[in-house]
All heavy atoms as atom14 arrays in JSON, in Angstrom:
{
  "sequence": "NIEPITEQLTTLTINLKTKNPSKMNDQYARSIEDDFINTL",
  "atom14_mask": [
    [1, 1, 1, 1, 1, 1, 1, 1, 0, 0, 0, 0, 0, 0],
    [1, 1, 1, 1, 1, 1, 1, 1, 0, 0, 0, 0, 0, 0],
    [1, 1, 1, 1, 1, 1, 1, 1, 1, 0, 0, 0, 0, 0],
    [1, 1, 1, 1, 1, 1, 1, 0, 0, 0, 0, 0, 0, 0],
    [1, 1, 1, 1, 1, 1, 1, 1, 0, 0, 0, 0, 0, 0],
    [1, 1, 1, 1, 1, 1, 1, 0, 0, 0, 0, 0, 0, 0],
    [1, 1, 1, 1, 1, 1, 1, 1, 1, 0, 0, 0, 0, 0],
    [1, 1, 1, 1, 1, 1, 1, 1, 1, 0, 0, 0, 0, 0],
    [1, 1, 1, 1, 1, 1, 1, 1, 0, 0, 0, 0, 0, 0],
    [1, 1, 1, 1, 1, 1, 1, 0, 0, 0, 0, 0, 0, 0],
    [1, 1, 1, 1, 1, 1, 1, 0, 0, 0, 0, 0, 0, 0],
    [1, 1, 1, 1, 1, 1, 1, 1, 0, 0, 0, 0, 0, 0],
    [1, 1, 1, 1, 1, 1, 1, 0, 0, 0, 0, 0, 0, 0],
    [1, 1, 1, 1, 1, 1, 1, 1, 0, 0, 0, 0, 0, 0],
    [1, 1, 1, 1, 1, 1, 1, 1, 0, 0, 0, 0, 0, 0],
    [1, 1, 1, 1, 1, 1, 1, 1, 0, 0, 0, 0, 0, 0],
    [1, 1, 1, 1, 1, 1, 1, 1, 1, 0, 0, 0, 0, 0],
    [1, 1, 1, 1, 1, 1, 1, 0, 0, 0, 0, 0, 0, 0],
    [1, 1, 1, 1, 1, 1, 1, 1, 1, 0, 0, 0, 0, 0],
    [1, 1, 1, 1, 1, 1, 1, 1, 0, 0, 0, 0, 0, 0],
    [1, 1, 1, 1, 1, 1, 1, 0, 0, 0, 0, 0, 0, 0],
    [1, 1, 1, 1, 1, 1, 0, 0, 0, 0, 0, 0, 0, 0],
    [1, 1, 1, 1, 1, 1, 1, 1, 1, 0, 0, 0, 0, 0],
    [1, 1, 1, 1, 1, 1, 1, 1, 0, 0, 0, 0, 0, 0],
    [1, 1, 1, 1, 1, 1, 1, 1, 0, 0, 0, 0, 0, 0],
    [1, 1, 1, 1, 1, 1, 1, 1, 0, 0, 0, 0, 0, 0],
    [1, 1, 1, 1, 1, 1, 1, 1, 1, 0, 0, 0, 0, 0],
    [1, 1, 1, 1, 1, 1, 1, 1, 1, 1, 1, 1, 0, 0],
    [1, 1, 1, 1, 1, 0, 0, 0, 0, 0, 0, 0, 0, 0],
    [1, 1, 1, 1, 1, 1, 1, 1, 1, 1, 1, 0, 0, 0],
    [1, 1, 1, 1, 1, 1, 0, 0, 0, 0, 0, 0, 0, 0],
    [1, 1, 1, 1, 1, 1, 1, 1, 0, 0, 0, 0, 0, 0],
    [1, 1, 1, 1, 1, 1, 1, 1, 1, 0, 0, 0, 0, 0],
    [1, 1, 1, 1, 1, 1, 1, 1, 0, 0, 0, 0, 0, 0],
    [1, 1, 1, 1, 1, 1, 1, 1, 0, 0, 0, 0, 0, 0],
    [1, 1, 1, 1, 1, 1, 1, 1, 1, 1, 1, 0, 0, 0],
    [1, 1, 1, 1, 1, 1, 1, 1, 0, 0, 0, 0, 0, 0],
    [1, 1, 1, 1, 1, 1, 1, 1, 0, 0, 0, 0, 0, 0],
    [1, 1, 1, 1, 1, 1, 1, 0, 0, 0, 0, 0, 0, 0],
    [1, 1, 1, 1, 1, 1, 1, 1, 0, 0, 0, 0, 0, 0]
  ],
  "atom14_positions": [
    [[-9.92, 1.59, 1.96], [-8.61, 1.32, 1.47], [-7.69, 2.32, 1.93], [-7.83, 3.55, 1.67], [-8.64, 1.29, -0.07], [-9.44, 0.17, -0.63], [-9.52, -0.92, -0.1], [-10.08, 0.42, -1.74], [0.0, 0.0, 0.0], [0.0, 0.0, 0.0], [0.0, 0.0, 0.0], [0.0, 0.0, 0.0], [0.0, 0.0, 0.0], [0.0, 0.0, 0.0]],
    [[-6.67, 1.84, 2.74], [-5.64, 2.76, 3.26], [-4.32, 2.62, 2.43], [-3.8, 1.5, 2.39], [-5.4, 2.44, 4.75], [-6.71, 2.59, 5.5], [-4.28, 3.34, 5.3], [-6.68, 2.06, 6.89], [0.0, 0.0, 0.0], [0.0, 0.0, 0.0], [0.0, 0.0, 0.0], [0.0, 0.0, 0.0], [0.0, 0.0, 0.0], [0.0, 0.0, 0.0]],
    [[-3.97, 3.67, 1.79], [-2.77, 3.64, 0.92], [-1.74, 4.7, 1.35], [-2.1, 5.86, 1.46], [-3.2, 3.92, -0.48], [-4.22, 2.98, -1.12], [-4.83, 3.47, -2.45], [-4.41, 4.46, -2.9], [-5.64, 2.7, -2.92], [0.0, 0.0, 0.0], [0.0, 0.0, 0.0], [0.0, 0.0, 0.0], [0.0, 0.0, 0.0], [0.0, 0.0, 0.0]],
    [[-0.5, 4.32, 1.58], [0.51, 5.26, 1.93], [1.02, 6.03, 0.71], [1.15, 5.4, -0.34], [1.63, 4.38, 2.51], [1.42, 3.04, 1.93], [-0.05, 2.89, 1.7], [0.0, 0.0, 0.0], [0.0, 0.0, 0.0], [0.0, 0.0, 0.0], [0.0, 0.0, 0.0], [0.0, 0.0, 0.0], [0.0, 0.0, 0.0], [0.0, 0.0, 0.0]],
    [[1.17, 7.29, 0.88], [1.73, 8.09, -0.24], [3.21, 8.39, 0.1], [4.05, 8.15, -0.74], [0.95, 9.39, -0.4], [-0.44, 9.1, -0.85], [1.65, 10.31, -1.41], [-1.38, 10.23, -0.95], [0.0, 0.0, 0.0], [0.0, 0.0, 0.0], [0.0, 0.0, 0.0], [0.0, 0.0, 0.0], [0.0, 0.0, 0.0], [0.0, 0.0, 0.0]],
    [[3.44, 8.91, 1.32], [4.81, 9.03, 1.81], [4.83, 8.41, 3.19], [3.88, 7.77, 3.58], [5.22, 10.56, 1.89], [4.35, 11.19, 2.83], [5.12, 11.23, 0.52], [0.0, 0.0, 0.0], [0.0, 0.0, 0.0], [0.0, 0.0, 0.0], [0.0, 0.0, 0.0], [0.0, 0.0, 0.0], [0.0, 0.0, 0.0], [0.0, 0.0, 0.0]],
    [[5.9, 8.63, 3.9], [6.01, 8.08, 5.32], [4.93, 8.66, 6.19], [4.42, 7.99, 7.13], [7.37, 8.37, 5.89], [8.41, 7.46, 5.22], [9.81, 7.73, 5.91], [9.86, 8.44, 6.96], [10.78, 7.19, 5.3], [0.0, 0.0, 0.0], [0.0, 0.0, 0.0], [0.0, 0.0, 0.0], [0.0, 0.0, 0.0], [0.0, 0.0, 0.0]],
    [[4.6, 9.92, 6.04], [3.63, 10.52, 6.95], [2.36, 10.92, 6.26], [1.43, 11.37, 6.97], [4.29, 11.86, 7.52], [5.45, 11.61, 8.47], [5.1, 10.83, 9.68], [3.98, 11.05, 10.23], [5.93, 9.9, 10.11], [0.0, 0.0, 0.0], [0.0, 0.0, 0.0], [0.0, 0.0, 0.0], [0.0, 0.0, 0.0], [0.0, 0.0, 0.0]],
    [[2.2, 10.69, 5.03], [0.97, 11.07, 4.31], [0.23, 9.77, 3.84], [0.91, 8.93, 3.2], [1.18, 12.01, 3.13], [-0.03, 12.53, 2.41], [-0.92, 13.35, 3.3], [0.43, 13.31, 1.21], [0.0, 0.0, 0.0], [0.0, 0.0, 0.0], [0.0, 0.0, 0.0], [0.0, 0.0, 0.0], [0.0, 0.0, 0.0], [0.0, 0.0, 0.0]],
    [[-1.02, 9.61, 4.2], [-1.81, 8.4, 3.84], [-3.16, 8.82, 3.25], [-3.77, 9.77, 3.71], [-2.01, 7.59, 5.15], [-0.7, 7.32, 5.75], [-2.68, 6.29, 4.83], [0.0, 0.0, 0.0], [0.0, 0.0, 0.0], [0.0, 0.0, 0.0], [0.0, 0.0, 0.0], [0.0, 0.0, 0.0], [0.0, 0.0, 0.0], [0.0, 0.0, 0.0]],
    [[-3.58, 8.08, 2.28], [-4.82, 8.27, 1.66], [-5.89, 7.23, 2.09], [-5.56, 6.05, 2.1], [-4.79, 8.26, 0.13], [-3.85, 9.34, -0.23], [-6.11, 8.57, -0.52], [0.0, 0.0, 0.0], [0.0, 0.0, 0.0], [0.0, 0.0, 0.0], [0.0, 0.0, 0.0], [0.0, 0.0, 0.0], [0.0, 0.0, 0.0], [0.0, 0.0, 0.0]],
    [[-7.1, 7.68, 2.46], [-8.13, 6.74, 2.88], [-9.26, 6.9, 1.84], [-9.81, 8.0, 1.64], [-8.67, 7.13, 4.29], [-9.88, 6.3, 4.76], [-9.48, 4.92, 5.04], [-10.47, 6.98, 5.97], [0.0, 0.0, 0.0], [0.0, 0.0, 0.0], [0.0, 0.0, 0.0], [0.0, 0.0, 0.0], [0.0, 0.0, 0.0], [0.0, 0.0, 0.0]],
    [[-9.49, 5.78, 1.12], [-10.58, 5.8, 0.12], [-11.77, 4.99, 0.68], [-11.67, 3.88, 1.24], [-10.15, 5.04, -1.14], [-8.95, 5.6, -1.59], [-11.19, 5.09, -2.23], [0.0, 0.0, 0.0], [0.0, 0.0, 0.0], [0.0, 0.0, 0.0], [0.0, 0.0, 0.0], [0.0, 0.0, 0.0], [0.0, 0.0, 0.0], [0.0, 0.0, 0.0]],
    [[-12.98, 5.65, 0.64], [-14.14, 5.04, 1.31], [-15.17, 4.64, 0.15], [-15.58, 5.48, -0.66], [-14.85, 6.06, 2.17], [-13.94, 6.44, 3.3], [-16.17, 5.43, 2.75], [-14.45, 7.56, 4.18], [0.0, 0.0, 0.0], [0.0, 0.0, 0.0], [0.0, 0.0, 0.0], [0.0, 0.0, 0.0], [0.0, 0.0, 0.0], [0.0, 0.0, 0.0]],
    [[-15.51, 3.34, 0.06], [-16.5, 2.87, -0.89], [-17.75, 2.36, -0.1], [-17.6, 1.58, 0.84], [-15.91, 1.73, -1.7], [-14.88, 2.19, -2.61], [-14.96, 3.24, -3.2], [-13.85, 1.34, -2.74], [0.0, 0.0, 0.0], [0.0, 0.0, 0.0], [0.0, 0.0, 0.0], [0.0, 0.0, 0.0], [0.0, 0.0, 0.0], [0.0, 0.0, 0.0]],
    [[-18.91, 2.86, -0.39], [-20.14, 2.4, 0.22], [-21.07, 1.78, -0.81], [-21.2, 2.24, -1.93], [-20.96, 3.66, 0.76], [-20.36, 4.2, 2.08], [-21.1, 5.46, 2.46], [-20.55, 3.21, 3.17], [0.0, 0.0, 0.0], [0.0, 0.0, 0.0], [0.0, 0.0, 0.0], [0.0, 0.0, 0.0], [0.0, 0.0, 0.0], [0.0, 0.0, 0.0]],
    [[-21.73, 0.72, -0.41], [-22.71, -0.01, -1.21], [-23.91, -0.36, -0.39], [-23.76, -0.72, 0.75], [-22.11, -1.28, -1.84], [-20.95, -0.99, -2.77], [-20.42, -2.37, -3.3], [-19.22, -2.14, -4.14], [-18.58, -3.33, -4.57], [0.0, 0.0, 0.0], [0.0, 0.0, 0.0], [0.0, 0.0, 0.0], [0.0, 0.0, 0.0], [0.0, 0.0, 0.0]],
    [[-25.07, -0.25, -0.96], [-26.27, -0.62, -0.34], [-26.78, -1.97, -0.95], [-26.52, -2.17, -2.1], [-27.4, 0.39, -0.35], [-27.63, 0.73, -1.74], [-26.98, 1.68, 0.35], [0.0, 0.0, 0.0], [0.0, 0.0, 0.0], [0.0, 0.0, 0.0], [0.0, 0.0, 0.0], [0.0, 0.0, 0.0], [0.0, 0.0, 0.0], [0.0, 0.0, 0.0]],
    [[-27.48, -2.72, -0.19], [-27.9, -4.03, -0.74], [-29.01, -3.77, -1.82], [-28.92, -4.43, -2.83], [-28.51, -4.85, 0.4], [-28.77, -6.29, 0.01], [-29.08, -7.14, 1.2], [-29.18, -8.6, 0.73], [-29.41, -9.45, 1.84], [0.0, 0.0, 0.0], [0.0, 0.0, 0.0], [0.0, 0.0, 0.0], [0.0, 0.0, 0.0], [0.0, 0.0, 0.0]],
    [[-29.91, -2.89, -1.62], [-30.96, -2.55, -2.63], [-30.83, -1.03, -2.93], [-31.35, -0.24, -2.27], [-32.36, -2.81, -2.06], [-32.57, -4.25, -1.69], [-32.08, -5.17, -2.42], [-33.26, -4.5, -0.63], [0.0, 0.0, 0.0], [0.0, 0.0, 0.0], [0.0, 0.0, 0.0], [0.0, 0.0, 0.0], [0.0, 0.0, 0.0], [0.0, 0.0, 0.0]],
    [[-30.07, -0.78, -4.05], [-29.88, 0.67, -4.36], [-31.17, 1.36, -4.68], [-31.97, 0.88, -5.49], [-28.9, 0.65, -5.55], [-28.82, -0.76, -5.98], [-29.49, -1.66, -4.99], [0.0, 0.0, 0.0], [0.0, 0.0, 0.0], [0.0, 0.0, 0.0], [0.0, 0.0, 0.0], [0.0, 0.0, 0.0], [0.0, 0.0, 0.0], [0.0, 0.0, 0.0]],
    [[-31.4, 2.43, -4.12], [-32.54, 3.39, -4.48], [-32.12, 4.77, -3.98], [-31.04, 4.92, -3.33], [-33.8, 2.97, -3.81], [-33.73, 3.21, -2.36], [0.0, 0.0, 0.0], [0.0, 0.0, 0.0], [0.0, 0.0, 0.0], [0.0, 0.0, 0.0], [0.0, 0.0, 0.0], [0.0, 0.0, 0.0], [0.0, 0.0, 0.0], [0.0, 0.0, 0.0]],
    [[-32.8, 5.78, -4.4], [-32.46, 7.16, -4.04], [-32.45, 7.33, -2.5], [-31.56, 7.97, -1.98], [-33.36, 8.13, -4.7], [-32.98, 9.55, -4.53], [-33.79, 10.51, -5.34], [-33.26, 11.93, -5.17], [-33.94, 12.82, -6.01], [0.0, 0.0, 0.0], [0.0, 0.0, 0.0], [0.0, 0.0, 0.0], [0.0, 0.0, 0.0], [0.0, 0.0, 0.0]],
    [[-33.45, 6.82, -1.84], [-33.53, 6.94, -0.4], [-32.35, 6.17, 0.28], [-31.76, 6.74, 1.23], [-34.81, 6.39, 0.16], [-35.06, 6.53, 1.62], [-36.73, 5.99, 2.0], [-36.43, 5.35, 3.62], [0.0, 0.0, 0.0], [0.0, 0.0, 0.0], [0.0, 0.0, 0.0], [0.0, 0.0, 0.0], [0.0, 0.0, 0.0], [0.0, 0.0, 0.0]],
    [[-32.06, 4.98, -0.18], [-30.94, 4.25, 0.34], [-29.62, 4.94, 0.11], [-28.71, 4.9, 0.98], [-30.9, 2.86, -0.19], [-32.05, 1.94, 0.34], [-32.68, 2.33, 1.24], [-32.2, 0.84, -0.33], [0.0, 0.0, 0.0], [0.0, 0.0, 0.0], [0.0, 0.0, 0.0], [0.0, 0.0, 0.0], [0.0, 0.0, 0.0], [0.0, 0.0, 0.0]],
    [[-29.46, 5.6, -1.09], [-28.19, 6.35, -1.33], [-28.04, 7.54, -0.44], [-26.95, 7.83, 0.05], [-28.17, 6.83, -2.73], [-28.0, 5.62, -3.71], [-27.53, 4.5, -3.31], [-28.31, 5.78, -4.96], [0.0, 0.0, 0.0], [0.0, 0.0, 0.0], [0.0, 0.0, 0.0], [0.0, 0.0, 0.0], [0.0, 0.0, 0.0], [0.0, 0.0, 0.0]],
    [[-29.22, 8.21, -0.08], [-29.11, 9.39, 0.82], [-28.76, 8.9, 2.19], [-27.95, 9.5, 2.94], [-30.43, 10.12, 0.85], [-30.67, 10.85, -0.41], [-32.06, 11.45, -0.47], [-32.94, 11.16, 0.41], [-32.36, 12.26, -1.46], [0.0, 0.0, 0.0], [0.0, 0.0, 0.0], [0.0, 0.0, 0.0], [0.0, 0.0, 0.0], [0.0, 0.0, 0.0]],
    [[-29.3, 7.7, 2.62], [-29.0, 7.2, 3.91], [-27.51, 6.77, 3.99], [-26.84, 7.02, 4.96], [-29.91, 6.0, 4.17], [-29.6, 5.21, 5.41], [-29.78, 5.79, 6.64], [-29.11, 3.94, 5.42], [-29.5, 5.15, 7.88], [-28.81, 3.26, 6.58], [-29.03, 3.84, 7.8], [-28.73, 3.21, 8.92], [0.0, 0.0, 0.0], [0.0, 0.0, 0.0]],
    [[-27.01, 6.17, 2.85], [-25.61, 5.84, 2.85], [-24.69, 7.01, 2.96], [-23.71, 7.0, 3.69], [-25.32, 5.06, 1.5], [0.0, 0.0, 0.0], [0.0, 0.0, 0.0], [0.0, 0.0, 0.0], [0.0, 0.0, 0.0], [0.0, 0.0, 0.0], [0.0, 0.0, 0.0], [0.0, 0.0, 0.0], [0.0, 0.0, 0.0], [0.0, 0.0, 0.0]],
    [[-25.07, 8.12, 2.28], [-24.25, 9.32, 2.4], [-24.27, 9.88, 3.81], [-23.25, 10.37, 4.34], [-24.8, 10.38, 1.47], [-24.28, 10.16, 0.07], [-24.61, 11.35, -0.87], [-24.96, 10.83, -2.16], [-26.26, 10.9, -2.58], [-27.16, 11.54, -1.92], [-26.54, 10.37, -3.76], [0.0, 0.0, 0.0], [0.0, 0.0, 0.0], [0.0, 0.0, 0.0]],
    [[-25.39, 9.82, 4.49], [-25.45, 10.3, 5.88], [-24.6, 9.39, 6.72], [-23.91, 9.88, 7.69], [-26.89, 10.4, 6.39], [-27.44, 9.14, 6.6], [0.0, 0.0, 0.0], [0.0, 0.0, 0.0], [0.0, 0.0, 0.0], [0.0, 0.0, 0.0], [0.0, 0.0, 0.0], [0.0, 0.0, 0.0], [0.0, 0.0, 0.0], [0.0, 0.0, 0.0]],
    [[-24.58, 8.1, 6.53], [-23.75, 7.15, 7.31], [-22.27, 7.49, 7.03], [-21.48, 7.45, 8.01], [-24.05, 5.66, 6.92], [-25.51, 5.3, 7.4], [-22.98, 4.75, 7.41], [-25.6, 5.21, 8.86], [0.0, 0.0, 0.0], [0.0, 0.0, 0.0], [0.0, 0.0, 0.0], [0.0, 0.0, 0.0], [0.0, 0.0, 0.0], [0.0, 0.0, 0.0]],
    [[-21.94, 7.75, 5.83], [-20.56, 8.04, 5.48], [-20.1, 9.36, 6.16], [-19.06, 9.45, 6.73], [-20.39, 8.25, 4.0], [-18.95, 8.52, 3.58], [-18.8, 8.63, 2.03], [-19.8, 8.41, 1.31], [-17.71, 8.87, 1.64], [0.0, 0.0, 0.0], [0.0, 0.0, 0.0], [0.0, 0.0, 0.0], [0.0, 0.0, 0.0], [0.0, 0.0, 0.0]],
    [[-20.98, 10.39, 6.18], [-20.7, 11.68, 6.82], [-20.47, 11.43, 8.32], [-19.58, 12.04, 8.92], [-21.73, 12.72, 6.55], [-21.76, 13.17, 5.11], [-20.75, 13.0, 4.46], [-22.88, 13.74, 4.68], [0.0, 0.0, 0.0], [0.0, 0.0, 0.0], [0.0, 0.0, 0.0], [0.0, 0.0, 0.0], [0.0, 0.0, 0.0], [0.0, 0.0, 0.0]],
    [[-21.35, 10.65, 8.91], [-21.17, 10.39, 10.36], [-19.94, 9.66, 10.69], [-19.25, 9.94, 11.65], [-22.39, 9.54, 10.86], [-23.68, 10.36, 10.85], [-23.67, 11.64, 10.75], [-24.78, 9.74, 10.9], [0.0, 0.0, 0.0], [0.0, 0.0, 0.0], [0.0, 0.0, 0.0], [0.0, 0.0, 0.0], [0.0, 0.0, 0.0], [0.0, 0.0, 0.0]],
    [[-19.58, 8.7, 9.75], [-18.28, 7.99, 10.02], [-17.1, 8.91, 9.92], [-16.13, 8.87, 10.73], [-18.17, 6.84, 9.02], [-16.8, 6.19, 9.03], [-16.34, 5.49, 10.08], [-15.93, 6.42, 8.0], [-15.1, 4.94, 10.15], [-14.67, 5.89, 8.04], [-14.26, 5.11, 9.12], [0.0, 0.0, 0.0], [0.0, 0.0, 0.0], [0.0, 0.0, 0.0]],
    [[-17.14, 9.8, 8.88], [-16.04, 10.74, 8.72], [-15.84, 11.62, 9.93], [-14.75, 11.9, 10.44], [-16.13, 11.53, 7.43], [-15.95, 10.53, 6.2], [-15.15, 12.61, 7.29], [-16.33, 11.13, 4.89], [0.0, 0.0, 0.0], [0.0, 0.0, 0.0], [0.0, 0.0, 0.0], [0.0, 0.0, 0.0], [0.0, 0.0, 0.0], [0.0, 0.0, 0.0]],
    [[-16.97, 12.13, 10.41], [-16.96, 13.07, 11.6], [-16.4, 12.27, 12.77], [-15.54, 12.84, 13.55], [-18.35, 13.54, 11.88], [-18.77, 14.59, 10.9], [-17.99, 15.23, 10.25], [-20.11, 14.76, 10.76], [0.0, 0.0, 0.0], [0.0, 0.0, 0.0], [0.0, 0.0, 0.0], [0.0, 0.0, 0.0], [0.0, 0.0, 0.0], [0.0, 0.0, 0.0]],
    [[-16.79, 11.02, 12.96], [-16.3, 10.21, 14.07], [-14.78, 9.92, 13.89], [-14.01, 9.98, 14.87], [-17.06, 8.94, 14.13], [-18.42, 9.18, 14.28], [-16.64, 8.03, 15.34], [0.0, 0.0, 0.0], [0.0, 0.0, 0.0], [0.0, 0.0, 0.0], [0.0, 0.0, 0.0], [0.0, 0.0, 0.0], [0.0, 0.0, 0.0], [0.0, 0.0, 0.0]],
    [[-14.34, 9.77, 12.65], [-12.95, 9.51, 12.42], [-12.13, 10.71, 12.79], [-11.06, 10.61, 13.5], [-12.76, 9.17, 10.92], [-11.37, 8.79, 10.51], [-10.88, 7.47, 11.23], [-11.28, 8.56, 8.97], [0.0, 0.0, 0.0], [0.0, 0.0, 0.0], [0.0, 0.0, 0.0], [0.0, 0.0, 0.0], [0.0, 0.0, 0.0], [0.0, 0.0, 0.0]]
  ]
}
């Protein structure tokens, strides 16, 4: 979700969901999110 705050300041909200939630899937999702943020 990309939301403008001012003309030059923007907030990016990231929501991740796994199809079958479990501790291992949540850790994998966090690593995917970290990789995406680094790429961004």
